[in-house]
């Protein structure tokens, strides 16, 4: 490699690290909306409903529907304004959603509360794009590390989100939880400041310069690599949402634990979701994304085993921690597989398709969680893990076998 090539690669890597640093802290601020929403959304919805409590998790379903819609809107905003300013739009929507949810609590309006969650979810759809933005702004060898660093920002979210709930939930007493949603606004506005310093590369222009035509979407999404990455990512994320949504209801309503214990359980869970990110990228570089995804699926099986073993506090917290670690390995690995299945100038349409399907499935999982819990109980939620993780693990093993045959 020539001296000029080495210097060019170092400049590219330096620019990538700068963008990843900014995106990681923006992710940390904006992703705190997730722990806030999931730790108290079901409980707040439960309090707003009358005798029929089966729709208690509907606001959380609205959140996940919003995330799926956000996957569409972020692509439109990025095309019109550029990715950096597209993220600014997403943060503004998140601030508006937090204020709307707080107003709904003051008015005791369940469906307005759900509408606020849809806006918060749309903002979350923009936030989910940050991991792809970091990968697309990085050299190929740095992509897994970039994705890991972005999700490592979730460690701050894991601490920040639940602590915001604990410190502000009684701020406007007797209107419980309204303060937590008001606090979302300054968090989102702080993220905007970081986005204004981004310098993201224009991959569409690079694609035109290279002379490579973008492949049709159908051709890309039907490859074994993309399908395996997407299905494993959907399975991992949907199962995580399914249990995380139902766990606070099972702890507080089913077993009589305090809301503080449920919130702390979610905090430990979110910490477990993101803390491994500091080394998940290195594990992917060493062992490959497929093996890391397989490890994540096995950990999710362990999570279901612990949850099914009993209803003591340690069962809930232990299962939630294993759920977080399994999600981390499974989702980061799946994202790395998907990110390696397309060319840079094909990114927007492939990522948009991927996230619409992903968060549509996640929305269904969050809605089903409340229904399954009310109809069949906590143990049924745990039993559903086994067929889904089994199928996903089989797909990963088939991809590993294909890669080994190709290498031979």
Protein backbone atom coordinates (compact mmCIF):
# COMPACT_ATOMS: atom_id res chain seq x y z
CA UNK A 1 0.00 0.00 0.00
CA UNK A 2 1.41 3.41 -0.99
CA UNK A 3 2.09 6.20 1.50
CA UNK A 4 -0.73 8.25 -0.04
CA UNK A 5 -3.18 5.38 0.38
CA UNK A 6 -2.18 4.97 4.03
CA UNK A 7 -2.60 8.69 4.70
CA UNK A 8 -5.96 8.69 2.93
CA UNK A 9 -7.16 5.73 4.99
CA UNK A 10 -6.00 7.42 8.20
CA UNK A 11 -7.91 10.59 7.28
CA UNK A 12 -11.01 8.54 6.50
CA UNK A 13 -10.71 6.67 9.80
CA UNK A 14 -10.16 9.91 11.75
CA UNK A 15 -13.28 11.48 10.19
CA UNK A 16 -15.26 8.32 10.91
CA UNK A 17 -14.20 8.32 14.57
CA UNK A 18 -15.22 11.97 14.94
CA UNK A 19 -18.67 11.30 13.47
CA UNK A 20 -19.10 8.15 15.57
CA UNK A 21 -18.18 10.09 18.73
CA UNK A 22 -20.84 12.73 18.04
CA UNK A 23 -23.44 10.17 17.02
CA UNK A 24 -22.76 8.04 20.10
CA UNK A 25 -23.54 10.89 22.50
CA UNK A 26 -26.57 11.97 20.48
CA UNK A 27 -27.78 8.37 20.61
CA UNK A 28 -27.23 8.35 24.39
CA UNK A 29 -29.51 11.37 24.85
CA UNK A 30 -32.24 10.49 22.38
CA UNK A 31 -32.38 6.76 23.15
CA UNK A 32 -33.20 7.56 26.79
CA UNK A 33 -36.77 7.99 25.51
CA UNK A 34 -37.00 4.19 25.23
CA UNK A 35 -36.31 3.38 28.91
CA UNK A 36 -38.61 6.23 29.97
CA UNK A 37 -41.43 5.01 27.75
CA UNK A 38 -41.13 1.31 28.57
CA UNK A 39 -40.59 1.64 32.30
CA UNK A 40 -43.77 3.67 32.89
CA UNK A 41 -45.78 3.60 29.64
CA UNK A 42 -47.68 0.42 30.49
CA UNK A 43 -48.31 1.52 34.07
CA UNK A 44 -49.45 5.01 33.04
CA UNK A 45 -51.73 3.50 30.40
CA UNK A 46 -53.11 1.06 32.98
CA UNK A 47 -53.97 3.98 35.30
CA UNK A 48 -55.75 5.88 32.52
CA UNK A 49 -58.01 2.98 31.54
CA UNK A 50 -61.32 1.99 33.08
CA UNK A 51 -62.33 -1.59 33.86
CA UNK A 52 -60.87 -3.14 30.70
CA UNK A 53 -57.11 -3.04 31.24
CA UNK A 54 -56.17 -5.20 28.22
CA UNK A 55 -55.15 -2.12 26.21
CA UNK A 56 -52.64 -0.96 28.84
CA UNK A 57 -49.69 -1.57 26.51
CA UNK A 58 -51.38 0.14 23.52
CA UNK A 59 -49.26 3.33 24.00
CA UNK A 60 -46.14 1.16 23.77
CA UNK A 61 -47.54 -0.36 20.60
CA UNK A 62 -48.03 3.22 19.37
CA UNK A 63 -44.38 3.86 20.21
CA UNK A 64 -43.25 0.92 18.06
CA UNK A 65 -45.63 1.81 15.24
CA UNK A 66 -44.07 5.27 15.41
CA UNK A 67 -40.60 3.75 15.11
CA UNK A 68 -41.70 1.92 11.95
CA UNK A 69 -43.15 5.17 10.54
CA UNK A 70 -39.96 6.95 11.53
CA UNK A 71 -38.00 4.56 9.33
CA UNK A 72 -39.94 5.98 6.38
CA UNK A 73 -39.81 9.61 7.45
CA UNK A 74 -36.07 9.57 8.18
CA UNK A 75 -35.38 8.41 4.62
CA UNK A 76 -37.52 11.25 3.24
CA UNK A 77 -35.91 13.81 5.57
CA UNK A 78 -32.41 12.57 4.72
CA UNK A 79 -33.11 12.85 0.99
CA UNK A 80 -34.50 16.39 1.31
CA UNK A 81 -32.25 17.83 4.04
CA UNK A 82 -29.28 15.48 4.38
CA UNK A 83 -28.81 12.96 7.17
CA UNK A 84 -27.56 15.42 9.79
CA UNK A 85 -30.53 17.79 9.47
CA UNK A 86 -32.85 14.81 9.12
CA UNK A 87 -31.77 13.76 12.62
CA UNK A 88 -32.54 17.29 13.84
CA UNK A 89 -36.12 16.89 12.59
CA UNK A 90 -36.38 13.58 14.45
CA UNK A 91 -35.21 15.14 17.71
CA UNK A 92 -37.80 17.94 17.40
CA UNK A 93 -40.55 15.35 16.90
CA UNK A 94 -39.37 13.56 20.06
CA UNK A 95 -39.58 16.77 22.11
CA UNK A 96 -43.11 17.39 20.81
CA UNK A 97 -44.13 13.82 21.66
CA UNK A 98 -42.94 14.15 25.24
CA UNK A 99 -44.91 17.35 25.75
CA UNK A 100 -48.03 15.81 24.17
CA UNK A 101 -47.81 12.73 26.43
CA UNK A 102 -47.54 14.99 29.50
CA UNK A 103 -50.57 17.03 28.39
CA UNK A 104 -52.51 13.77 27.94
CA UNK A 105 -51.74 12.73 31.52
CA UNK A 106 -52.99 16.09 32.80
CA UNK A 107 -56.18 15.59 30.77
CA UNK A 108 -56.51 11.86 31.68
CA UNK A 109 -56.83 11.18 27.95
CA UNK A 110 -55.63 7.64 27.13
CA UNK A 111 -55.68 7.96 23.35
CA UNK A 112 -53.95 11.35 23.36
CA UNK A 113 -51.31 9.69 25.54
CA UNK A 114 -50.97 6.95 22.92
CA UNK A 115 -50.64 9.65 20.22
CA UNK A 116 -47.78 11.22 22.18
CA UNK A 117 -46.10 7.82 22.22
CA UNK A 118 -46.47 7.56 18.45
CA UNK A 119 -44.53 10.84 18.09
CA UNK A 120 -41.87 9.66 20.55
CA UNK A 121 -41.67 6.45 18.52
CA UNK A 122 -41.28 8.34 15.23
CA UNK A 123 -38.34 10.14 16.82
CA UNK A 124 -37.05 6.72 17.85
CA UNK A 125 -37.18 5.66 14.20
CA UNK A 126 -34.83 8.53 13.38
CA UNK A 127 -32.61 7.52 16.30
CA UNK A 128 -32.45 3.93 15.04
CA UNK A 129 -30.93 5.24 11.80
CA UNK A 130 -27.93 6.52 13.74
CA UNK A 131 -26.32 3.06 13.85
CA UNK A 132 -26.48 2.81 10.05
CA UNK A 133 -25.23 6.38 9.63
CA UNK A 134 -22.16 5.50 11.73
CA UNK A 135 -21.53 2.32 9.73
CA UNK A 136 -21.98 4.07 6.37
CA UNK A 137 -19.54 6.82 7.40
CA UNK A 138 -16.83 4.28 8.29
CA UNK A 139 -14.31 2.16 6.36
CA UNK A 140 -15.45 -1.46 5.94
CA UNK A 141 -13.10 -2.83 8.63
CA UNK A 142 -14.39 -0.25 11.16
CA UNK A 143 -18.14 -0.79 10.56
CA UNK A 144 -18.75 -3.39 13.33
CA UNK A 145 -16.81 -1.26 15.80
CA UNK A 146 -18.77 1.85 14.75
CA UNK A 147 -22.12 0.08 15.28
CA UNK A 148 -20.93 -1.14 18.68
CA UNK A 149 -19.86 2.34 19.79
CA UNK A 150 -23.23 3.79 18.81
CA UNK A 151 -25.08 1.19 20.84
CA UNK A 152 -22.58 1.66 23.67
CA UNK A 153 -24.11 5.12 24.03
CA UNK A 154 -27.10 3.22 25.32
CA UNK A 155 -25.22 2.68 28.60
CA UNK A 156 -25.81 6.37 29.30
CA UNK A 157 -29.43 5.97 28.17
CA UNK A 158 -29.84 3.01 30.51
CA UNK A 159 -28.83 5.15 33.47
CA UNK A 160 -30.31 8.44 32.31
CA UNK A 161 -33.80 7.25 31.29
CA UNK A 162 -34.84 5.41 34.48
CA UNK A 163 -33.23 8.05 36.70
CA UNK A 164 -35.24 10.74 34.89
CA UNK A 165 -38.37 8.71 35.70
CA UNK A 166 -37.44 8.26 39.38
CA UNK A 167 -36.50 11.92 39.85
CA UNK A 168 -39.37 13.53 37.92
CA UNK A 169 -42.37 11.16 38.08
CA UNK A 170 -43.86 13.06 41.07
CA UNK A 171 -42.87 16.52 39.81
CA UNK A 172 -46.46 17.46 38.95
CA UNK A 173 -48.18 15.45 41.66
CA UNK A 174 -50.96 14.29 41.76
CA UNK A 175 -50.48 13.79 37.98
CA UNK A 176 -48.12 10.82 38.17
CA UNK A 177 -45.35 10.42 35.52
CA UNK A 178 -46.04 13.73 33.70
CA UNK A 179 -42.68 15.19 34.76
CA UNK A 180 -40.78 12.35 33.09
CA UNK A 181 -42.32 13.16 29.71
CA UNK A 182 -41.75 16.89 30.08
CA UNK A 183 -38.08 16.07 30.73
CA UNK A 184 -37.83 14.45 27.29
CA UNK A 185 -37.89 17.86 25.60
CA UNK A 186 -34.53 19.18 26.89
CA UNK A 187 -32.91 15.78 26.23
CA UNK A 188 -34.01 15.89 22.58
CA UNK A 189 -32.97 19.53 22.15
CA UNK A 190 -29.51 18.73 23.52
CA UNK A 191 -29.12 16.05 20.84
CA UNK A 192 -29.77 18.65 18.14
CA UNK A 193 -26.64 20.57 19.16
CA UNK A 194 -24.50 17.47 18.51
CA UNK A 195 -26.07 16.81 15.09
CA UNK A 196 -25.11 20.29 13.91
CA UNK A 197 -21.40 19.34 14.14
CA UNK A 198 -21.69 16.20 11.95
CA UNK A 199 -19.80 15.94 8.65
CA UNK A 200 -21.26 12.85 6.99
CA UNK A 201 -20.01 11.67 3.55
CA UNK A 202 -22.30 11.73 0.50
CA UNK A 203 -22.45 8.06 -0.53
CA UNK A 204 -24.87 8.71 -3.40
CA UNK A 205 -22.31 10.93 -5.08
CA UNK A 206 -19.64 8.31 -4.44
CA UNK A 207 -21.82 5.67 -6.08
CA UNK A 208 -22.30 7.81 -9.18
CA UNK A 209 -18.57 8.45 -9.33
CA UNK A 210 -17.78 4.72 -9.10
CA UNK A 211 -20.05 3.93 -12.06
CA UNK A 212 -21.88 1.18 -10.13
CA UNK A 213 -25.61 1.08 -10.73
CA UNK A 214 -27.78 0.48 -7.67
CA UNK A 215 -29.31 -3.00 -7.70
CA UNK A 216 -33.10 -3.40 -7.46
CA UNK A 217 -34.36 -3.65 -3.90
CA UNK A 218 -35.86 -7.09 -4.53
CA UNK A 219 -32.52 -8.49 -5.66
CA UNK A 220 -30.78 -7.31 -2.48
CA UNK A 221 -33.42 -8.35 0.07
CA UNK A 222 -33.76 -11.88 -1.35
CA UNK A 223 -30.11 -12.76 -0.77
CA UNK A 224 -29.48 -15.32 1.97
CA UNK A 225 -27.21 -12.90 3.83
CA UNK A 226 -29.74 -10.08 4.02
CA UNK A 227 -32.68 -12.35 4.87
CA UNK A 228 -30.74 -14.08 7.65
CA UNK A 229 -29.63 -10.77 9.13
CA UNK A 230 -33.11 -9.26 8.94
CA UNK A 231 -34.96 -12.29 10.35
CA UNK A 232 -32.49 -12.69 13.23
CA UNK A 233 -32.66 -8.97 13.96
CA UNK A 234 -36.48 -9.06 13.96
CA UNK A 235 -36.56 -12.14 16.20
CA UNK A 236 -34.08 -10.68 18.66
CA UNK A 237 -35.71 -7.24 18.86
CA UNK A 238 -39.30 -8.52 18.91
CA UNK A 239 -38.60 -11.01 21.72
CA UNK A 240 -36.79 -8.36 23.72
CA UNK A 241 -39.75 -5.96 23.35
CA UNK A 242 -42.26 -8.72 24.05
CA UNK A 243 -40.70 -9.54 27.43
CA UNK A 244 -39.63 -5.99 28.36
CA UNK A 245 -43.18 -4.70 27.78
CA UNK A 246 -44.79 -7.44 29.84
CA UNK A 247 -42.26 -7.58 32.68
CA UNK A 248 -43.33 -4.36 34.52
CA UNK A 249 -46.97 -5.48 34.36
CA UNK A 250 -46.06 -8.94 35.69
CA UNK A 251 -43.90 -7.49 38.46
CA UNK A 252 -46.26 -4.75 39.69
CA UNK A 253 -49.73 -6.04 38.87
CA UNK A 254 -49.11 -9.78 38.87
CA UNK A 255 -46.65 -10.15 41.74
CA UNK A 256 -47.10 -6.99 43.84
CA UNK A 257 -43.62 -5.51 43.48
CA UNK A 258 -43.35 -1.72 43.64
CA UNK A 259 -43.10 0.46 40.50
CA UNK A 260 -39.59 1.44 41.70
CA UNK A 261 -38.52 -2.24 41.63
CA UNK A 262 -39.94 -2.59 38.12
CA UNK A 263 -38.16 0.60 36.98
CA UNK A 264 -34.86 -0.58 38.43
CA UNK A 265 -35.36 -3.92 36.69
CA UNK A 266 -35.76 -2.09 33.39
CA UNK A 267 -32.64 -0.05 34.20
CA UNK A 268 -30.58 -3.21 34.74
CA UNK A 269 -32.05 -4.61 31.54
CA UNK A 270 -31.15 -1.55 29.45
CA UNK A 271 -27.65 -1.51 30.96
CA UNK A 272 -27.28 -5.14 29.91
CA UNK A 273 -28.55 -4.22 26.44
CA UNK A 274 -25.81 -1.69 25.83
CA UNK A 275 -22.85 -2.32 28.17
CA UNK A 276 -21.53 -5.27 26.08
CA UNK A 277 -21.31 -2.91 23.09
CA UNK A 278 -17.84 -1.83 24.25
CA UNK A 279 -16.51 -5.22 23.12
CA UNK A 280 -19.21 -6.70 20.82
CA UNK A 281 -17.58 -5.06 17.78
CA UNK A 282 -14.24 -6.67 18.64
CA UNK A 283 -15.96 -10.05 19.04
CA UNK A 284 -17.53 -9.65 15.59
CA UNK A 285 -14.16 -8.77 14.06
CA UNK A 286 -12.55 -11.82 15.67
CA UNK A 287 -15.24 -14.48 15.39
CA UNK A 288 -17.61 -13.13 12.74
CA UNK A 289 -21.09 -11.64 13.01
CA UNK A 290 -22.82 -15.00 12.52
CA UNK A 291 -21.23 -16.61 15.58
CA UNK A 292 -22.00 -13.56 17.73
CA UNK A 293 -25.67 -13.70 16.63
CA UNK A 294 -25.76 -17.42 17.48
CA UNK A 295 -24.38 -16.67 20.95
CA UNK A 296 -27.05 -14.01 21.44
CA UNK A 297 -29.82 -16.44 20.54
CA UNK A 298 -28.50 -19.01 23.03
CA UNK A 299 -28.45 -16.32 25.74
CA UNK A 300 -32.10 -15.49 24.93
CA UNK A 301 -32.92 -19.16 25.49
CA UNK A 302 -31.22 -18.89 28.90
CA UNK A 303 -33.33 -15.80 29.61
CA UNK A 304 -36.53 -17.74 28.98
CA UNK A 305 -35.30 -20.53 31.27
CA UNK A 306 -34.62 -18.14 34.18
CA UNK A 307 -37.96 -16.34 33.72
CA UNK A 308 -39.84 -19.64 33.62
CA UNK A 309 -38.14 -20.90 36.81
CA UNK A 310 -40.11 -18.66 39.19
CA UNK A 311 -41.58 -15.25 40.03
CA UNK A 312 -39.11 -14.05 42.67
CA UNK A 313 -37.47 -10.67 42.14
CA UNK A 314 -34.19 -12.35 41.09
CA UNK A 315 -36.06 -14.28 38.36
CA UNK A 316 -37.39 -11.07 36.84
CA UNK A 317 -34.15 -9.13 37.14
CA UNK A 318 -31.99 -12.07 36.05
CA UNK A 319 -34.16 -12.72 33.01
CA UNK A 320 -34.17 -9.02 32.08
CA UNK A 321 -30.36 -8.86 32.30
CA UNK A 322 -29.96 -11.98 30.12
CA UNK A 323 -32.57 -10.51 27.76
CA UNK A 324 -30.44 -7.38 27.38
CA UNK A 325 -27.17 -9.24 26.71
CA UNK A 326 -28.86 -11.60 24.25
CA UNK A 327 -30.39 -8.63 22.43
CA UNK A 328 -27.01 -6.90 22.24
CA UNK A 329 -25.20 -9.81 20.63
CA UNK A 330 -28.13 -10.74 18.41
CA UNK A 331 -29.01 -7.24 17.22
CA UNK A 332 -25.52 -5.83 16.69
CA UNK A 333 -24.48 -9.00 14.89
CA UNK A 334 -27.62 -8.95 12.74
CA UNK A 335 -27.10 -5.28 11.91
CA UNK A 336 -23.51 -6.03 10.85
CA UNK A 337 -24.76 -8.85 8.59
CA UNK A 338 -27.37 -6.56 7.00
CA UNK A 339 -24.85 -3.69 6.61
CA UNK A 340 -22.51 -5.99 4.67
CA UNK A 341 -25.23 -7.05 2.23
CA UNK A 342 -25.51 -3.81 0.23
CA UNK A 343 -23.31 -1.15 -1.39
CA UNK A 344 -23.07 2.34 0.16
CA UNK A 345 -25.22 4.03 -2.49
CA UNK A 346 -27.93 1.39 -1.99
CA UNK A 347 -28.13 2.13 1.74
CA UNK A 348 -31.22 4.34 2.07
CA UNK A 349 -33.73 2.07 0.35
CA UNK A 350 -32.38 -1.13 1.94
CA UNK A 351 -32.22 0.36 5.44
CA UNK A 352 -35.69 1.86 5.06
CA UNK A 353 -37.16 -1.49 3.99
CA UNK A 354 -35.33 -3.29 6.80
CA UNK A 355 -36.47 -0.93 9.56
CA UNK A 356 -40.10 -0.80 8.39
CA UNK A 357 -40.34 -4.60 8.61
CA UNK A 358 -38.30 -4.72 11.82
CA UNK A 359 -40.28 -2.16 13.79
CA UNK A 360 -43.60 -3.27 12.37
CA UNK A 361 -42.86 -6.67 13.92
CA UNK A 362 -41.70 -5.01 17.14
CA UNK A 363 -44.97 -3.03 17.31
CA UNK A 364 -46.94 -6.26 16.96
CA UNK A 365 -44.81 -7.82 19.72
CA UNK A 366 -45.45 -4.96 22.15
CA UNK A 367 -49.20 -5.00 21.45
CA UNK A 368 -49.36 -8.78 21.84
CA UNK A 369 -47.47 -8.67 25.13
CA UNK A 370 -50.29 -6.97 27.04
CA UNK A 371 -52.90 -9.22 25.44
CA UNK A 372 -50.95 -12.41 26.16
CA UNK A 373 -50.21 -11.34 29.74
CA UNK A 374 -53.86 -10.55 30.48
CA UNK A 375 -55.19 -13.70 28.79
CA UNK A 376 -52.57 -16.34 29.56
CA UNK A 377 -50.10 -14.95 32.09
CA UNK A 378 -46.36 -14.37 32.40
CA UNK A 379 -45.28 -17.96 31.78
CA UNK A 380 -46.77 -18.03 28.28
CA UNK A 381 -44.66 -14.99 27.35
CA UNK A 382 -41.56 -16.99 28.26
CA UNK A 383 -42.59 -20.15 26.39
CA UNK A 384 -42.91 -18.26 23.09
CA UNK A 385 -39.15 -17.63 23.09
CA UNK A 386 -38.27 -21.22 22.19
CA UNK A 387 -39.70 -21.67 18.65
CA UNK A 388 -38.57 -18.21 17.51
CA UNK A 389 -34.99 -18.51 18.76
CA UNK A 390 -34.80 -22.07 17.40
CA UNK A 391 -35.76 -21.04 13.87
CA UNK A 392 -33.37 -18.05 13.92
CA UNK A 393 -30.50 -20.19 15.19
CA UNK A 394 -31.12 -22.64 12.34
CA UNK A 395 -30.88 -19.81 9.77
CA UNK A 396 -27.59 -18.58 11.26
CA UNK A 397 -26.12 -22.08 11.16
CA UNK A 398 -27.12 -22.43 7.49
CA UNK A 399 -25.38 -19.10 6.71
CA UNK A 400 -22.25 -20.28 8.55
CA UNK A 401 -22.30 -23.50 6.54
CA UNK A 402 -22.64 -21.54 3.29
CA UNK A 403 -19.73 -19.28 4.23
CA UNK A 404 -17.56 -22.31 5.06
CA UNK A 405 -18.37 -23.96 1.73
CA UNK A 406 -17.59 -20.70 -0.11
CA UNK A 407 -14.25 -20.46 1.70
CA UNK A 408 -13.35 -24.05 0.74
